[in-house]
Each structure stands twice: as C-alpha cells, then as structure tokens.
Protein backbone atom coordinates (compact mmCIF):
# COMPACT_ATOMS: atom_id res chain seq x y z
CA MET A 1 -5.68 -19.30 -7.29
CA THR A 2 -5.60 -18.03 -3.74
CA THR A 3 -2.64 -16.36 -2.15
CA PRO A 4 -1.15 -18.40 0.67
CA PRO A 5 -1.48 -16.81 4.10
CA LEU A 6 1.46 -14.88 5.48
CA PRO A 7 3.45 -16.72 8.12
CA PRO A 8 2.66 -15.65 11.67
CA ARG A 9 4.82 -12.90 13.10
CA ARG A 10 6.30 -13.35 16.54
CA VAL A 11 6.39 -9.95 18.19
CA LEU A 12 7.35 -9.49 21.82
CA TRP A 13 5.54 -6.47 23.23
CA SER A 14 7.76 -4.32 25.43
CA GLY A 15 4.89 -3.63 27.80
CA THR A 16 5.23 -7.25 28.92
CA PHE A 17 8.40 -6.24 30.80
CA GLY A 18 7.38 -2.80 31.90
CA LEU A 19 8.66 0.16 29.97
CA ASN A 20 11.23 0.97 32.62
CA THR A 21 13.18 -2.19 31.75
CA PRO A 22 16.28 -1.20 29.75
CA LEU A 23 15.80 -1.75 26.03
CA ARG A 24 18.95 -3.87 25.73
CA ILE A 25 17.46 -6.35 28.24
CA ARG A 26 14.19 -6.44 26.26
CA VAL A 27 16.14 -7.11 23.03
CA ASP A 28 18.10 -9.94 24.66
CA ALA A 29 14.93 -11.49 26.13
CA ALA A 30 13.21 -11.35 22.73
CA ALA A 31 16.16 -13.05 21.02
CA GLU A 32 16.50 -15.73 23.68
CA ALA A 33 12.78 -16.53 23.52
CA GLY A 34 12.83 -16.84 19.72
CA PHE A 35 11.06 -13.57 18.90
CA ARG A 36 12.30 -11.79 15.77
CA GLU A 37 10.42 -8.56 16.41
CA LEU A 38 10.16 -6.30 19.44
CA SER A 39 7.89 -3.36 20.07
CA VAL A 40 9.29 -0.22 21.61
CA SER A 41 7.47 2.55 23.39
CA PRO A 42 7.25 6.15 22.23
CA ILE A 43 9.45 6.91 25.24
CA ASP A 44 12.15 4.69 23.72
CA VAL A 45 12.15 6.63 20.43
CA SER A 46 11.43 10.18 21.57
CA ALA A 47 13.96 12.99 21.25
CA ASN A 48 15.71 12.12 24.53
CA ALA A 49 15.38 8.40 23.86
CA SER A 50 17.46 5.48 24.96
CA VAL A 51 17.50 4.08 21.41
CA ASN A 52 20.83 4.88 19.83
CA THR A 53 23.07 3.38 17.19
CA ALA A 54 24.56 0.91 19.68
CA ILE A 55 21.18 -0.54 20.65
CA ILE A 56 20.02 -0.65 17.02
CA ASN A 57 23.20 -2.56 16.12
CA HIS A 58 22.77 -4.83 19.14
CA ALA A 59 19.22 -5.67 18.08
CA ALA A 60 20.39 -6.38 14.52
CA ALA A 61 23.19 -8.62 15.83
CA ARG A 62 20.59 -10.56 17.85
CA ASP A 63 18.35 -10.78 14.73
CA VAL A 64 15.58 -8.75 16.42
CA ARG A 65 13.81 -5.95 14.54
CA LEU A 66 12.53 -2.96 16.48
CA SER A 67 9.42 -3.01 14.34
CA PHE A 68 6.52 -1.46 16.29
CA VAL A 69 6.04 1.70 18.33
CA ASP A 70 3.28 1.13 20.88
CA PRO A 71 1.22 3.12 21.90
CA VAL A 72 0.83 6.64 20.55
CA LEU A 73 -1.84 8.21 22.76
CA THR A 74 -1.90 11.94 22.01
CA TRP A 75 -3.06 12.11 18.39
CA LEU A 76 -6.43 13.53 19.48
CA GLY A 77 -4.69 16.30 21.41
CA PRO A 78 -2.71 16.69 24.61
CA LEU A 79 -3.72 14.69 27.66
CA ASP A 80 -4.02 16.17 31.13
CA ASP A 81 -2.62 13.09 32.86
CA THR A 82 0.99 13.95 33.63
CA ARG A 83 1.74 10.74 35.55
CA SER A 84 2.96 8.94 32.44
CA PRO A 85 5.55 10.24 29.99
CA LEU A 86 3.45 8.54 27.27
CA THR A 87 0.84 11.26 27.69
CA GLN A 88 3.38 14.01 27.07
CA LEU A 89 4.74 12.90 23.68
CA SER A 90 3.31 14.44 20.54
CA PRO A 91 2.75 12.30 17.44
CA ASP A 92 5.33 14.42 15.59
CA GLY A 93 7.85 13.56 18.29
CA VAL A 94 7.31 9.85 17.63
CA VAL A 95 6.76 9.33 13.88
CA ALA A 96 10.15 10.45 12.54
CA PRO A 97 12.21 8.84 15.34
CA ALA A 98 10.25 5.61 14.84
CA ALA A 99 11.26 5.57 11.19
CA ARG A 100 14.87 6.31 12.15
CA ILE A 101 15.12 3.06 14.12
CA GLY A 102 13.39 1.07 11.38
CA ALA A 103 9.98 0.70 13.03
CA ARG A 104 7.40 0.53 10.28
CA THR A 105 4.25 0.27 12.37
CA ILE A 106 2.75 2.54 15.00
CA ASN A 107 -0.13 1.49 17.25
CA ALA A 108 -2.53 4.33 17.98
CA ILE A 109 -5.01 4.42 20.85
CA ALA A 110 -7.67 7.14 20.93
CA MET A 111 -7.23 8.69 24.36
CA SER A 112 -8.70 12.14 24.94
CA ASN A 113 -9.76 14.36 27.83
CA ARG A 114 -12.55 15.81 25.72
CA ARG A 115 -15.37 14.06 23.89
CA PRO A 116 -14.47 14.43 20.23
CA SER A 117 -17.08 13.78 17.59
CA PHE A 118 -16.74 10.85 15.24
CA ASP A 119 -15.62 13.26 12.49
CA GLN A 120 -12.93 14.72 14.77
CA ILE A 121 -11.64 11.23 15.55
CA VAL A 122 -11.56 10.38 11.84
CA GLU A 123 -9.74 13.64 11.05
CA GLY A 124 -7.23 13.14 13.87
CA PHE A 125 -6.54 9.57 12.82
CA GLY A 126 -6.24 10.58 9.17
CA THR A 127 -3.76 13.32 10.12
CA LEU A 128 -1.65 10.84 12.09
CA CYS A 129 -1.70 8.41 9.17
CA GLY A 130 -0.74 11.20 6.78
CA ARG A 131 2.28 12.09 8.93
CA ALA A 132 3.28 8.44 9.15
CA ALA A 133 2.89 7.96 5.39
CA LEU A 134 5.70 10.47 4.85
CA THR A 135 8.06 7.89 6.38
CA ASP A 136 6.28 4.86 4.87
CA THR A 137 4.99 3.86 8.31
CA LEU A 138 1.74 1.97 8.82
CA VAL A 139 -0.62 3.09 11.60
CA GLN A 140 -2.77 0.52 13.37
CA LEU A 141 -5.80 1.71 15.31
CA GLU A 142 -6.22 -0.29 18.49
CA SER A 143 -9.68 -0.45 20.02
CA VAL A 144 -9.53 -0.19 23.81
CA PRO A 145 -12.70 -0.14 25.93
CA MET A 146 -11.71 2.95 27.94
CA SER A 147 -10.65 4.93 24.88
CA ARG A 148 -12.65 7.07 22.45
CA VAL A 149 -12.62 4.08 20.06
CA PRO A 150 -13.92 1.43 22.45
CA SER A 151 -14.78 -1.42 20.07
CA VAL A 152 -13.59 -3.15 16.94
CA SER A 153 -16.68 -1.95 15.06
CA ALA A 154 -15.92 1.67 16.04
CA ALA A 155 -12.29 1.24 14.96
CA LEU A 156 -13.36 -0.21 11.61
CA ALA A 157 -15.66 2.75 11.01
CA VAL A 158 -12.88 5.25 11.81
CA VAL A 159 -10.39 3.46 9.57
CA GLU A 160 -12.81 3.18 6.66
CA ASP A 161 -13.73 6.87 6.81
CA ALA A 162 -10.08 7.93 7.21
CA LYS A 163 -9.06 5.79 4.23
CA TYR A 164 -11.81 7.37 2.14
CA LEU A 165 -10.83 10.92 3.12
CA ARG A 166 -7.07 10.59 2.96
CA GLN A 167 -6.24 7.62 0.74
CA ILE A 168 -4.08 6.19 3.51
CA ARG A 169 -3.03 2.71 4.44
CA THR A 170 -3.92 1.50 7.91
CA ARG A 171 -5.53 -1.38 9.75
CA VAL A 172 -7.42 -2.21 12.92
CA ILE A 173 -6.01 -4.42 15.65
CA TRP A 174 -7.68 -5.89 18.70
C-alpha cells in the first residue's frame, strides 16, 4: 500500500513584497490571498528584529504560520558585501530566533567570497544543520546558479554527504 501524497503547501515568500515591507502587511496579504504560511527573512528574526509577540499573535489570529526563514547566506563564513543586512547575520543569530517564532524550516544558500572545497561546503552545511537540529529545525539547501552550490545535482551531493557525516535531516529545493 502506498502512502498518499501530502497536500500541497501554500507558502507566500516574503521576498515577493520586498523585505522592507512591514511584516504585519505581509501577514495580512498572505491571509487575504489564502496562504496559510509565510516566509520571513533572517532580518525579521534577528536580535533586533521586528518580529515580536504582537506580530506572532497577529499571524496566528489570521491563521498564517511564520514557517520559513529565507535565506541564510553566511553559513560558509562572513561575506564582504555590506550592502545587504542579510550578509551580516550569522547562522547562530538566526537559528534560535527562528525557532522562537515557530519557523521550522531554514533555506540556506551557499554564498562565499572564497572558493571553498566540496568538503568545506559539506562541513559548513552539516554544521548549520547540526545547529538547527538543536531546535528541531529543518534546513533546506537551495541551489542558486551564482552560489557555491550552483545546481540541483551539486546540492544533492552536498546533502547526501552531510547526511552521511552528521546523521542530519535536510532536503534540497530548487
């Protein structure tokens, strides 16, 4: 007997609005459009974040889960690009706050100023997944052509090796 497929999830990605749009407006738009899940950025959940008890309660009242943090960019080390606050947030500064708001999935993109080896990418990803596992958070590795994991096949190889080394749970998205 086969297991029936899971129903599709309707997630509204905050990047659709621009991350400078107030989170309350993003929550309301998600609810009004019939989305039951909303991604938030690491900026939203960082130490000086706009996510507070009031916005968490507002999202719950609108039946919208703040379920994804997207994207975490610095898990291979700090980035030199200071134009975006996303490049200044450490993984440690995102994982625990993400769990605090109830987000159970983090999207990771392999950005780096250096050229890490495959083994360094696997180790970095495994370390991020290990941190996230402490809060029962899943890490998804997103392949992006201009990143250090530019293809789905590269992402699958990283995930498989990281799972083998760390006994973690993760998945690839594209």
